[in-house]
Amino acid sequence: MPFVEFVTAIRGITEIAEGLKSLHDFKQVAEASSQLLQRLLTVESEALSLHNEYSIVLQQKSDLEKRLLEFEKWDDTASQYSLKKLVARSFVYVPNETNKAPKPMHYLCAKCYGDRKKSILQTIYVGTGGDRLFCPECKTRYEADSDDIRELDS
């Protein structure tokens, strides 16, 4: 509660300053001046504390604004993809048909997509029984039928 302490210290300074007007004895003036100096030091300390807290709050605000922007950006990206079940019973994300299709066509890793990352699957094996896809980000492997790949190429 630095703000409350700050205000309290200011009130104390005001009271001491008003009391100084009525003092005529040098010893009383010196004592009141000493109290005034102590209160001023308290005010200075509380002002620095308030400034530090303000700086922390500003940094937190900035960090939250950046995170919000990242979420909004991801939501925009995520809206361009839909979950698709491959013939081999794996799930991946593919560009929506309604959106302008990106070139080249691609699959996104479902695990990374869930972590708000856009990781394009890479083909690591092409065979007659199907293809194997690989996520370079999380190392997940996917089985894809040749029909899936043909559909991707069309």
C-alpha atoms as a PDB file:
ATOM      1  CA  MET A   1       0.000   0.000   0.000  1.00  0.00           C
ATOM      2  CA  PRO A   2       2.652   2.552  -0.910  1.00  0.00           C
ATOM      3  CA  PHE A   3       0.013   5.039  -2.085  1.00  0.00           C
ATOM      4  CA  VAL A   4      -1.710   5.157   1.325  1.00  0.00           C
ATOM      5  CA  GLU A   5       1.650   5.551   3.047  1.00  0.00           C
ATOM      6  CA  PHE A   6       2.579   8.273   0.558  1.00  0.00           C
ATOM      7  CA  VAL A   7      -0.601  10.242   1.294  1.00  0.00           C
ATOM      8  CA  THR A   8      -0.150   9.753   5.045  1.00  0.00           C
ATOM      9  CA  ALA A   9       3.409  11.069   4.850  1.00  0.00           C
ATOM     10  CA  ILE A  10       2.234  14.133   2.886  1.00  0.00           C
ATOM     11  CA  ARG A  11      -0.405  14.860   5.546  1.00  0.00           C
ATOM     12  CA  GLY A  12       2.245  14.566   8.248  1.00  0.00           C
ATOM     13  CA  ILE A  13       4.467  17.025   6.411  1.00  0.00           C
ATOM     14  CA  THR A  14       1.586  19.462   6.113  1.00  0.00           C
ATOM     15  CA  GLU A  15       0.798  19.192   9.840  1.00  0.00           C
ATOM     16  CA  ILE A  16       4.437  19.698  10.818  1.00  0.00           C
ATOM     17  CA  ALA A  17       4.781  22.670   8.457  1.00  0.00           C
ATOM     18  CA  GLU A  18       1.641  24.285   9.916  1.00  0.00           C
ATOM     19  CA  GLY A  19       2.957  23.652  13.420  1.00  0.00           C
ATOM     20  CA  LEU A  20       6.253  25.371  12.564  1.00  0.00           C
ATOM     21  CA  LYS A  21       4.410  28.676  12.108  1.00  0.00           C
ATOM     22  CA  SER A  22       3.475  28.829  15.780  1.00  0.00           C
ATOM     23  CA  LEU A  23       6.885  27.831  17.179  1.00  0.00           C
ATOM     24  CA  HIS A  24       9.205  30.528  18.485  1.00  0.00           C
ATOM     25  CA  ASP A  25      11.697  28.487  20.479  1.00  0.00           C
ATOM     26  CA  PHE A  26      14.817  27.463  18.509  1.00  0.00           C
ATOM     27  CA  LYS A  27      14.871  23.988  20.071  1.00  0.00           C
ATOM     28  CA  GLN A  28      11.235  23.326  19.094  1.00  0.00           C
ATOM     29  CA  VAL A  29      11.871  24.612  15.577  1.00  0.00           C
ATOM     30  CA  ALA A  30      14.910  22.350  15.223  1.00  0.00           C
ATOM     31  CA  GLU A  31      12.931  19.360  16.497  1.00  0.00           C
ATOM     32  CA  ALA A  32      10.020  20.079  14.124  1.00  0.00           C
ATOM     33  CA  SER A  33      12.467  20.581  11.258  1.00  0.00           C
ATOM     34  CA  SER A  34      13.994  17.196  12.006  1.00  0.00           C
ATOM     35  CA  GLN A  35      10.539  15.593  11.942  1.00  0.00           C
ATOM     36  CA  LEU A  36       9.808  17.394   8.702  1.00  0.00           C
ATOM     37  CA  LEU A  37      13.019  16.079   7.157  1.00  0.00           C
ATOM     38  CA  GLN A  38      12.142  12.523   8.249  1.00  0.00           C
ATOM     39  CA  ARG A  39       8.701  12.823   6.663  1.00  0.00           C
ATOM     40  CA  LEU A  40      10.212  14.203   3.457  1.00  0.00           C
ATOM     41  CA  LEU A  41      12.543  11.207   3.275  1.00  0.00           C
ATOM     42  CA  THR A  42       9.551   8.903   3.757  1.00  0.00           C
ATOM     43  CA  VAL A  43       7.693  10.700   0.980  1.00  0.00           C
ATOM     44  CA  GLU A  44      10.685  10.361  -1.320  1.00  0.00           C
ATOM     45  CA  SER A  45      10.985   6.655  -0.547  1.00  0.00           C
ATOM     46  CA  GLU A  46       7.268   6.059  -1.115  1.00  0.00           C
ATOM     47  CA  ALA A  47       7.358   8.053  -4.358  1.00  0.00           C
ATOM     48  CA  LEU A  48      10.187   5.833  -5.647  1.00  0.00           C
ATOM     49  CA  SER A  49       8.256   2.752  -4.578  1.00  0.00           C
ATOM     50  CA  LEU A  50       5.159   3.988  -6.406  1.00  0.00           C
ATOM     51  CA  HIS A  51       7.229   4.714  -9.492  1.00  0.00           C
ATOM     52  CA  ASN A  52       8.686   1.180  -9.441  1.00  0.00           C
ATOM     53  CA  GLU A  53       5.240  -0.369  -9.064  1.00  0.00           C
ATOM     54  CA  TYR A  54       3.950   1.811 -11.894  1.00  0.00           C
ATOM     55  CA  SER A  55       6.824   0.656 -14.132  1.00  0.00           C
ATOM     56  CA  ILE A  56       6.041  -2.989 -13.328  1.00  0.00           C
ATOM     57  CA  VAL A  57       2.358  -2.490 -14.117  1.00  0.00           C
ATOM     58  CA  LEU A  58       3.239  -0.775 -17.414  1.00  0.00           C
ATOM     59  CA  GLN A  59       5.499  -3.709 -18.378  1.00  0.00           C
ATOM     60  CA  GLN A  60       2.769  -6.210 -17.481  1.00  0.00           C
ATOM     61  CA  LYS A  61       0.288  -4.233 -19.565  1.00  0.00           C
ATOM     62  CA  SER A  62       2.669  -4.249 -22.515  1.00  0.00           C
ATOM     63  CA  ASP A  63       3.249  -8.005 -22.158  1.00  0.00           C
ATOM     64  CA  LEU A  64      -0.495  -8.672 -22.030  1.00  0.00           C
ATOM     65  CA  GLU A  65      -1.081  -6.517 -25.113  1.00  0.00           C
ATOM     66  CA  LYS A  66       1.580  -8.514 -26.983  1.00  0.00           C
ATOM     67  CA  ARG A  67       0.001 -11.816 -25.906  1.00  0.00           C
ATOM     68  CA  LEU A  68      -3.435 -10.580 -26.976  1.00  0.00           C
ATOM     69  CA  LEU A  69      -2.029  -9.587 -30.363  1.00  0.00           C
ATOM     70  CA  GLU A  70      -0.457 -13.055 -30.727  1.00  0.00           C
ATOM     71  CA  PHE A  71      -3.801 -14.699 -29.900  1.00  0.00           C
ATOM     72  CA  GLU A  72      -5.611 -12.522 -32.416  1.00  0.00           C
ATOM     73  CA  LYS A  73      -2.988 -13.297 -35.048  1.00  0.00           C
ATOM     74  CA  TRP A  74      -3.258 -17.033 -34.325  1.00  0.00           C
ATOM     75  CA  ASP A  75      -7.070 -16.890 -34.481  1.00  0.00           C
ATOM     76  CA  ASP A  76      -6.769 -15.332 -37.928  1.00  0.00           C
ATOM     77  CA  THR A  77      -4.349 -18.083 -39.029  1.00  0.00           C
ATOM     78  CA  ALA A  78      -6.410 -20.847 -37.396  1.00  0.00           C
ATOM     79  CA  SER A  79      -9.572 -19.739 -39.189  1.00  0.00           C
ATOM     80  CA  GLN A  80      -7.880 -20.577 -42.501  1.00  0.00           C
ATOM     81  CA  TYR A  81      -7.552 -24.313 -41.648  1.00  0.00           C
ATOM     82  CA  SER A  82      -9.864 -27.228 -40.899  1.00  0.00           C
ATOM     83  CA  LEU A  83      -9.275 -30.585 -39.266  1.00  0.00           C
ATOM     84  CA  LYS A  84      -9.142 -33.468 -41.759  1.00  0.00           C
ATOM     85  CA  LYS A  85      -9.039 -37.190 -41.147  1.00  0.00           C
ATOM     86  CA  LEU A  86      -6.549 -38.963 -43.340  1.00  0.00           C
ATOM     87  CA  VAL A  87      -7.432 -42.400 -44.729  1.00  0.00           C
ATOM     88  CA  ALA A  88      -4.812 -43.875 -42.401  1.00  0.00           C
ATOM     89  CA  ARG A  89      -6.821 -42.499 -39.421  1.00  0.00           C
ATOM     90  CA  SER A  90      -4.487 -39.659 -38.625  1.00  0.00           C
ATOM     91  CA  PHE A  91      -5.741 -36.123 -38.209  1.00  0.00           C
ATOM     92  CA  VAL A  92      -4.097 -33.080 -39.730  1.00  0.00           C
ATOM     93  CA  TYR A  93      -5.105 -29.546 -40.557  1.00  0.00           C
ATOM     94  CA  VAL A  94      -5.604 -28.513 -44.165  1.00  0.00           C
ATOM     95  CA  PRO A  95      -6.312 -25.126 -45.728  1.00  0.00           C
ATOM     96  CA  ASN A  96     -10.033 -24.375 -46.002  1.00  0.00           C
ATOM     97  CA  GLU A  97     -11.526 -24.683 -49.438  1.00  0.00           C
ATOM     98  CA  THR A  98     -13.341 -21.383 -48.977  1.00  0.00           C
ATOM     99  CA  ASN A  99     -10.111 -19.470 -48.409  1.00  0.00           C
ATOM    100  CA  LYS A 100      -7.690 -18.656 -51.133  1.00  0.00           C
ATOM    101  CA  ALA A 101      -5.560 -21.808 -51.132  1.00  0.00           C
ATOM    102  CA  PRO A 102      -1.946 -21.214 -50.185  1.00  0.00           C
ATOM    103  CA  LYS A 103       0.718 -22.436 -52.557  1.00  0.00           C
ATOM    104  CA  PRO A 104       2.090 -24.968 -52.267  1.00  0.00           C
ATOM    105  CA  MET A 105      -0.700 -26.949 -50.645  1.00  0.00           C
ATOM    106  CA  HIS A 106       0.282 -28.469 -47.305  1.00  0.00           C
ATOM    107  CA  TYR A 107      -0.799 -30.242 -44.133  1.00  0.00           C
ATOM    108  CA  LEU A 108      -0.279 -28.822 -40.642  1.00  0.00           C
ATOM    109  CA  CYS A 109       0.606 -30.951 -37.636  1.00  0.00           C
ATOM    110  CA  ALA A 110      -2.459 -31.381 -35.382  1.00  0.00           C
ATOM    111  CA  LYS A 111      -0.368 -31.443 -32.194  1.00  0.00           C
ATOM    112  CA  CYS A 112       1.510 -28.243 -33.019  1.00  0.00           C
ATOM    113  CA  TYR A 113      -1.704 -26.597 -34.214  1.00  0.00           C
ATOM    114  CA  GLY A 114      -3.162 -27.300 -30.766  1.00  0.00           C
ATOM    115  CA  ASP A 115      -0.112 -25.528 -29.298  1.00  0.00           C
ATOM    116  CA  ARG A 116      -0.764 -22.509 -31.562  1.00  0.00           C
ATOM    117  CA  LYS A 117       2.142 -23.298 -33.870  1.00  0.00           C
ATOM    118  CA  LYS A 118       1.985 -23.620 -37.624  1.00  0.00           C
ATOM    119  CA  SER A 119       4.237 -26.564 -38.483  1.00  0.00           C
ATOM    120  CA  ILE A 120       4.089 -27.877 -42.056  1.00  0.00           C
ATOM    121  CA  LEU A 121       4.357 -31.653 -42.339  1.00  0.00           C
ATOM    122  CA  GLN A 122       7.191 -32.989 -44.465  1.00  0.00           C
ATOM    123  CA  THR A 123       7.106 -36.201 -46.516  1.00  0.00           C
ATOM    124  CA  ILE A 124       9.770 -38.637 -45.311  1.00  0.00           C
ATOM    125  CA  TYR A 125       8.691 -41.785 -47.138  1.00  0.00           C
ATOM    126  CA  VAL A 126       6.741 -42.367 -50.320  1.00  0.00           C
ATOM    127  CA  GLY A 127       5.615 -45.914 -50.905  1.00  0.00           C
ATOM    128  CA  THR A 128       2.953 -47.962 -52.649  1.00  0.00           C
ATOM    129  CA  GLY A 129       1.095 -48.602 -49.368  1.00  0.00           C
ATOM    130  CA  GLY A 130       1.089 -44.982 -48.367  1.00  0.00           C
ATOM    131  CA  ASP A 131       3.288 -42.105 -47.394  1.00  0.00           C
ATOM    132  CA  ARG A 132       4.735 -41.104 -44.086  1.00  0.00           C
ATOM    133  CA  LEU A 133       4.643 -37.492 -43.032  1.00  0.00           C
ATOM    134  CA  PHE A 134       6.793 -35.952 -40.331  1.00  0.00           C
ATOM    135  CA  CYS A 135       6.469 -32.831 -38.214  1.00  0.00           C
ATOM    136  CA  PRO A 136       9.846 -31.083 -37.915  1.00  0.00           C
ATOM    137  CA  GLU A 137       8.692 -29.201 -34.812  1.00  0.00           C
ATOM    138  CA  CYS A 138       7.374 -31.950 -32.497  1.00  0.00           C
ATOM    139  CA  LYS A 139       8.670 -35.029 -34.402  1.00  0.00           C
ATOM    140  CA  THR A 140       5.184 -36.584 -34.708  1.00  0.00           C
ATOM    141  CA  ARG A 141       4.803 -39.020 -37.602  1.00  0.00           C
ATOM    142  CA  TYR A 142       1.657 -39.389 -39.697  1.00  0.00           C
ATOM    143  CA  GLU A 143       0.546 -42.127 -42.060  1.00  0.00           C
ATOM    144  CA  ALA A 144      -1.101 -40.893 -45.238  1.00  0.00           C
ATOM    145  CA  ASP A 145      -2.721 -42.874 -47.996  1.00  0.00           C
ATOM    146  CA  SER A 146      -1.823 -42.009 -51.581  1.00  0.00           C
ATOM    147  CA  ASP A 147      -5.405 -40.716 -51.962  1.00  0.00           C
ATOM    148  CA  ASP A 148      -4.684 -38.150 -49.259  1.00  0.00           C
ATOM    149  CA  ILE A 149      -1.569 -36.962 -51.065  1.00  0.00           C
ATOM    150  CA  ARG A 150      -3.361 -36.872 -54.430  1.00  0.00           C
ATOM    151  CA  GLU A 151      -6.094 -34.792 -52.863  1.00  0.00           C
ATOM    152  CA  LEU A 152      -3.459 -32.465 -51.461  1.00  0.00           C
ATOM    153  CA  ASP A 153      -1.833 -32.079 -54.882  1.00  0.00           C
ATOM    154  CA  SER A 154      -5.096 -31.342 -56.693  1.00  0.00           C
END
